[in-house]
Amino acid sequence: MRLTQQTNYAVRALMYCAVNPDKPSKVADIAASFDMSETHLFKIMKVLVDGNLIRTIRGRNGGVMLARPAEQITVGEVVRAAEESFLLAECFDSGRKDCPLIVSCGFNGLLHEALEAFMEVLDTKSIADLSEDRFGMRDLLKIDVAKPPLAVNA
């Protein structure tokens, strides 16, 4: 099975937001960090918003943020939202009836079982799990982390 580029970018964008949880992330910054097209990323953002995975914040200081804590977003959920099709073989398409074995094919059943197992594994990991090294990832992604103001002793 091969996941689409859209899914790859969706996971990366969510990881970016997970390591930058304190402020909205700019789509332009995410695109630049992963050397991807902003136009393509905007299309992916719509999928992520529709899937309740990110939320948008309007305004000058706006951007995108995770819609829920990273611990509550599974990789399987992202894959299901981003992938348009899970047809592992042409016989998965219920509209195609060109194989005479379609109703009693062991291969079709095996592929369905494999797909379920694949998704079960992805459901065991969250975006937080993929983003555990938050500070190292911030450095690699060149995310500027504003330092908190120093406390003034009165």
C-alpha atoms as a PDB file:
ATOM      1  CA  MET A   1       0.000   0.000   0.000  1.00  0.00           C
ATOM      2  CA  ARG A   2       1.244   3.459  -0.813  1.00  0.00           C
ATOM      3  CA  LEU A   3      -0.168   6.545   0.858  1.00  0.00           C
ATOM      4  CA  THR A   4      -0.571   9.706  -1.159  1.00  0.00           C
ATOM      5  CA  GLN A   5       1.575  12.811  -0.906  1.00  0.00           C
ATOM      6  CA  GLN A   6      -1.491  14.548   0.549  1.00  0.00           C
ATOM      7  CA  THR A   7      -1.450  12.200   3.543  1.00  0.00           C
ATOM      8  CA  ASN A   8       2.291  12.645   4.005  1.00  0.00           C
ATOM      9  CA  TYR A   9       1.922  16.441   4.020  1.00  0.00           C
ATOM     10  CA  ALA A  10      -1.131  16.280   6.291  1.00  0.00           C
ATOM     11  CA  VAL A  11       0.797  14.324   8.928  1.00  0.00           C
ATOM     12  CA  ARG A  12       3.781  16.681   8.630  1.00  0.00           C
ATOM     13  CA  ALA A  13       1.580  19.774   8.980  1.00  0.00           C
ATOM     14  CA  LEU A  14      -0.043  18.346  12.102  1.00  0.00           C
ATOM     15  CA  MET A  15       3.369  17.487  13.549  1.00  0.00           C
ATOM     16  CA  TYR A  16       4.478  21.081  12.877  1.00  0.00           C
ATOM     17  CA  CYS A  17       1.451  22.380  14.767  1.00  0.00           C
ATOM     18  CA  ALA A  18       2.050  19.861  17.578  1.00  0.00           C
ATOM     19  CA  VAL A  19       5.573  21.137  18.228  1.00  0.00           C
ATOM     20  CA  ASN A  20       4.336  24.736  18.066  1.00  0.00           C
ATOM     21  CA  PRO A  21       1.257  24.502  20.309  1.00  0.00           C
ATOM     22  CA  ASP A  22       1.411  27.932  21.929  1.00  0.00           C
ATOM     23  CA  LYS A  23       0.673  30.068  18.892  1.00  0.00           C
ATOM     24  CA  PRO A  24      -0.959  29.755  15.481  1.00  0.00           C
ATOM     25  CA  SER A  25       1.300  28.410  12.747  1.00  0.00           C
ATOM     26  CA  LYS A  26       1.399  30.230   9.432  1.00  0.00           C
ATOM     27  CA  VAL A  27       0.692  28.071   6.387  1.00  0.00           C
ATOM     28  CA  ALA A  28       3.562  29.820   4.604  1.00  0.00           C
ATOM     29  CA  ASP A  29       5.954  28.792   7.399  1.00  0.00           C
ATOM     30  CA  ILE A  30       4.770  25.177   7.341  1.00  0.00           C
ATOM     31  CA  ALA A  31       5.127  25.035   3.548  1.00  0.00           C
ATOM     32  CA  ALA A  32       8.605  26.568   3.681  1.00  0.00           C
ATOM     33  CA  SER A  33       9.744  24.154   6.409  1.00  0.00           C
ATOM     34  CA  PHE A  34       8.846  21.147   4.283  1.00  0.00           C
ATOM     35  CA  ASP A  35       9.641  22.727   0.902  1.00  0.00           C
ATOM     36  CA  MET A  36       6.087  22.236  -0.337  1.00  0.00           C
ATOM     37  CA  SER A  37       3.733  24.387  -2.366  1.00  0.00           C
ATOM     38  CA  GLU A  38       1.553  26.749  -0.305  1.00  0.00           C
ATOM     39  CA  THR A  39      -1.262  26.240  -2.791  1.00  0.00           C
ATOM     40  CA  HIS A  40      -1.135  22.480  -2.300  1.00  0.00           C
ATOM     41  CA  LEU A  41      -0.900  22.893   1.469  1.00  0.00           C
ATOM     42  CA  PHE A  42      -4.002  25.123   1.517  1.00  0.00           C
ATOM     43  CA  LYS A  43      -5.945  22.278  -0.151  1.00  0.00           C
ATOM     44  CA  ILE A  44      -4.684  19.893   2.522  1.00  0.00           C
ATOM     45  CA  MET A  45      -5.634  22.380   5.242  1.00  0.00           C
ATOM     46  CA  LYS A  46      -9.244  22.272   4.024  1.00  0.00           C
ATOM     47  CA  VAL A  47      -9.223  18.482   4.415  1.00  0.00           C
ATOM     48  CA  LEU A  48      -7.770  18.837   7.926  1.00  0.00           C
ATOM     49  CA  VAL A  49     -10.331  21.489   8.919  1.00  0.00           C
ATOM     50  CA  ASP A  50     -13.180  19.359   7.532  1.00  0.00           C
ATOM     51  CA  GLY A  51     -11.804  16.401   9.505  1.00  0.00           C
ATOM     52  CA  ASN A  52     -11.755  18.468  12.729  1.00  0.00           C
ATOM     53  CA  LEU A  53      -7.994  18.026  12.974  1.00  0.00           C
ATOM     54  CA  ILE A  54      -6.991  21.686  12.777  1.00  0.00           C
ATOM     55  CA  ARG A  55      -8.737  24.982  13.308  1.00  0.00           C
ATOM     56  CA  THR A  56      -8.046  28.270  11.626  1.00  0.00           C
ATOM     57  CA  ILE A  57      -7.536  31.574  13.368  1.00  0.00           C
ATOM     58  CA  ARG A  58      -8.189  34.698  11.343  1.00  0.00           C
ATOM     59  CA  GLY A  59      -6.430  37.993  11.571  1.00  0.00           C
ATOM     60  CA  ARG A  60      -2.953  39.404  11.474  1.00  0.00           C
ATOM     61  CA  ASN A  61      -1.670  37.003  14.101  1.00  0.00           C
ATOM     62  CA  GLY A  62      -3.768  34.144  12.770  1.00  0.00           C
ATOM     63  CA  GLY A  63      -2.833  30.820  11.297  1.00  0.00           C
ATOM     64  CA  VAL A  64      -3.668  27.207  12.069  1.00  0.00           C
ATOM     65  CA  MET A  65      -3.606  25.205  15.285  1.00  0.00           C
ATOM     66  CA  LEU A  66      -4.543  21.680  16.234  1.00  0.00           C
ATOM     67  CA  ALA A  67      -8.283  21.381  16.824  1.00  0.00           C
ATOM     68  CA  ARG A  68      -7.635  19.005  19.731  1.00  0.00           C
ATOM     69  CA  PRO A  69      -4.590  18.053  21.797  1.00  0.00           C
ATOM     70  CA  ALA A  70      -2.033  16.109  19.736  1.00  0.00           C
ATOM     71  CA  GLU A  71      -2.518  13.135  22.076  1.00  0.00           C
ATOM     72  CA  GLN A  72      -6.128  12.869  20.886  1.00  0.00           C
ATOM     73  CA  ILE A  73      -5.379  12.805  17.141  1.00  0.00           C
ATOM     74  CA  THR A  74      -4.402   9.356  15.886  1.00  0.00           C
ATOM     75  CA  VAL A  75      -2.343   8.794  12.790  1.00  0.00           C
ATOM     76  CA  GLY A  76      -5.111   6.498  11.551  1.00  0.00           C
ATOM     77  CA  GLU A  77      -7.616   9.333  11.825  1.00  0.00           C
ATOM     78  CA  VAL A  78      -5.357  11.573   9.738  1.00  0.00           C
ATOM     79  CA  VAL A  79      -4.880   8.880   7.095  1.00  0.00           C
ATOM     80  CA  ARG A  80      -8.628   8.275   6.874  1.00  0.00           C
ATOM     81  CA  ALA A  81      -9.271  12.011   6.460  1.00  0.00           C
ATOM     82  CA  ALA A  82      -6.522  12.605   3.895  1.00  0.00           C
ATOM     83  CA  GLU A  83      -6.803   9.529   1.684  1.00  0.00           C
ATOM     84  CA  GLU A  84      -9.471   9.595  -0.985  1.00  0.00           C
ATOM     85  CA  SER A  85      -9.506   5.856  -1.583  1.00  0.00           C
ATOM     86  CA  PHE A  86      -8.392   2.638   0.036  1.00  0.00           C
ATOM     87  CA  LEU A  87      -8.779   0.473  -3.046  1.00  0.00           C
ATOM     88  CA  LEU A  88      -5.879  -1.952  -2.672  1.00  0.00           C
ATOM     89  CA  ALA A  89      -6.976  -3.808  -5.779  1.00  0.00           C
ATOM     90  CA  GLU A  90      -9.470  -3.085  -8.519  1.00  0.00           C
ATOM     91  CA  CYS A  91     -11.879  -5.608  -7.007  1.00  0.00           C
ATOM     92  CA  PHE A  92     -12.278  -3.357  -3.934  1.00  0.00           C
ATOM     93  CA  ASP A  93     -14.323  -1.050  -6.145  1.00  0.00           C
ATOM     94  CA  SER A  94     -17.897  -2.242  -5.649  1.00  0.00           C
ATOM     95  CA  GLY A  95     -18.868  -0.838  -9.053  1.00  0.00           C
ATOM     96  CA  ARG A  96     -16.508  -3.172 -10.915  1.00  0.00           C
ATOM     97  CA  LYS A  97     -17.786  -6.618 -11.638  1.00  0.00           C
ATOM     98  CA  ASP A  98     -15.238  -7.808 -14.224  1.00  0.00           C
ATOM     99  CA  CYS A  99     -13.827 -10.609 -12.079  1.00  0.00           C
ATOM    100  CA  PRO A 100     -15.904 -13.799 -11.937  1.00  0.00           C
ATOM    101  CA  LEU A 101     -14.476 -14.605  -8.475  1.00  0.00           C
ATOM    102  CA  ILE A 102     -15.570 -11.353  -6.835  1.00  0.00           C
ATOM    103  CA  VAL A 103     -18.206 -12.943  -4.553  1.00  0.00           C
ATOM    104  CA  SER A 104     -16.013 -15.764  -3.268  1.00  0.00           C
ATOM    105  CA  CYS A 105     -12.471 -14.515  -3.664  1.00  0.00           C
ATOM    106  CA  GLY A 106     -10.036 -15.258  -0.863  1.00  0.00           C
ATOM    107  CA  PHE A 107      -7.622 -12.597  -2.107  1.00  0.00           C
ATOM    108  CA  ASN A 108     -10.178  -9.815  -1.744  1.00  0.00           C
ATOM    109  CA  GLY A 109     -10.967 -10.917   1.815  1.00  0.00           C
ATOM    110  CA  LEU A 110      -7.276 -11.131   2.682  1.00  0.00           C
ATOM    111  CA  LEU A 111      -6.664  -7.589   1.411  1.00  0.00           C
ATOM    112  CA  HIS A 112      -9.593  -6.279   3.464  1.00  0.00           C
ATOM    113  CA  GLU A 113      -8.135  -7.969   6.539  1.00  0.00           C
ATOM    114  CA  ALA A 114      -4.676  -6.516   5.828  1.00  0.00           C
ATOM    115  CA  LEU A 115      -6.125  -3.021   5.406  1.00  0.00           C
ATOM    116  CA  GLU A 116      -7.945  -3.305   8.742  1.00  0.00           C
ATOM    117  CA  ALA A 117      -4.715  -4.439  10.448  1.00  0.00           C
ATOM    118  CA  PHE A 118      -2.794  -1.557   8.841  1.00  0.00           C
ATOM    119  CA  MET A 119      -5.320   0.977  10.128  1.00  0.00           C
ATOM    120  CA  GLU A 120      -5.374  -0.626  13.590  1.00  0.00           C
ATOM    121  CA  VAL A 121      -1.605  -0.092  13.869  1.00  0.00           C
ATOM    122  CA  LEU A 122      -1.938   3.548  12.766  1.00  0.00           C
ATOM    123  CA  ASP A 123      -4.674   4.041  15.363  1.00  0.00           C
ATOM    124  CA  THR A 124      -2.223   3.078  18.139  1.00  0.00           C
ATOM    125  CA  LYS A 125      -0.070   6.180  17.572  1.00  0.00           C
ATOM    126  CA  SER A 126      -0.972   9.821  17.956  1.00  0.00           C
ATOM    127  CA  ILE A 127       0.460  12.975  16.455  1.00  0.00           C
ATOM    128  CA  ALA A 128       1.977  13.572  19.910  1.00  0.00           C
ATOM    129  CA  ASP A 129       3.811  10.240  19.650  1.00  0.00           C
ATOM    130  CA  LEU A 130       5.301  11.307  16.319  1.00  0.00           C
ATOM    131  CA  SER A 131       6.296  14.673  17.802  1.00  0.00           C
ATOM    132  CA  GLU A 132       7.878  13.533  21.070  1.00  0.00           C
ATOM    133  CA  ASP A 133      11.164  15.351  20.432  1.00  0.00           C
ATOM    134  CA  ARG A 134       9.357  18.696  20.369  1.00  0.00           C
ATOM    135  CA  PHE A 135      12.387  20.870  20.974  1.00  0.00           C
ATOM    136  CA  GLY A 136      14.600  19.009  18.519  1.00  0.00           C
ATOM    137  CA  MET A 137      11.879  19.194  15.893  1.00  0.00           C
ATOM    138  CA  ARG A 138      11.412  22.938  16.500  1.00  0.00           C
ATOM    139  CA  ASP A 139      15.100  23.394  15.799  1.00  0.00           C
ATOM    140  CA  LEU A 140      14.998  21.265  12.636  1.00  0.00           C
ATOM    141  CA  LEU A 141      11.895  23.091  11.386  1.00  0.00           C
ATOM    142  CA  LYS A 142      13.414  26.471  12.293  1.00  0.00           C
ATOM    143  CA  ILE A 143      10.413  27.435  14.398  1.00  0.00           C
ATOM    144  CA  ASP A 144      11.232  30.636  16.231  1.00  0.00           C
ATOM    145  CA  VAL A 145      10.204  30.189  19.825  1.00  0.00           C
ATOM    146  CA  ALA A 146       9.601  33.489  21.556  1.00  0.00           C
ATOM    147  CA  LYS A 147      11.253  33.535  24.948  1.00  0.00           C
ATOM    148  CA  PRO A 148       8.964  34.349  27.871  1.00  0.00           C
ATOM    149  CA  PRO A 149       9.604  37.717  29.514  1.00  0.00           C
ATOM    150  CA  LEU A 150      11.979  37.663  32.453  1.00  0.00           C
ATOM    151  CA  ALA A 151      10.329  37.987  35.850  1.00  0.00           C
ATOM    152  CA  VAL A 152      11.022  41.297  37.508  1.00  0.00           C
ATOM    153  CA  ASN A 153      11.760  41.156  41.213  1.00  0.00           C
ATOM    154  CA  ALA A 154       9.865  43.868  43.066  1.00  0.00           C
END
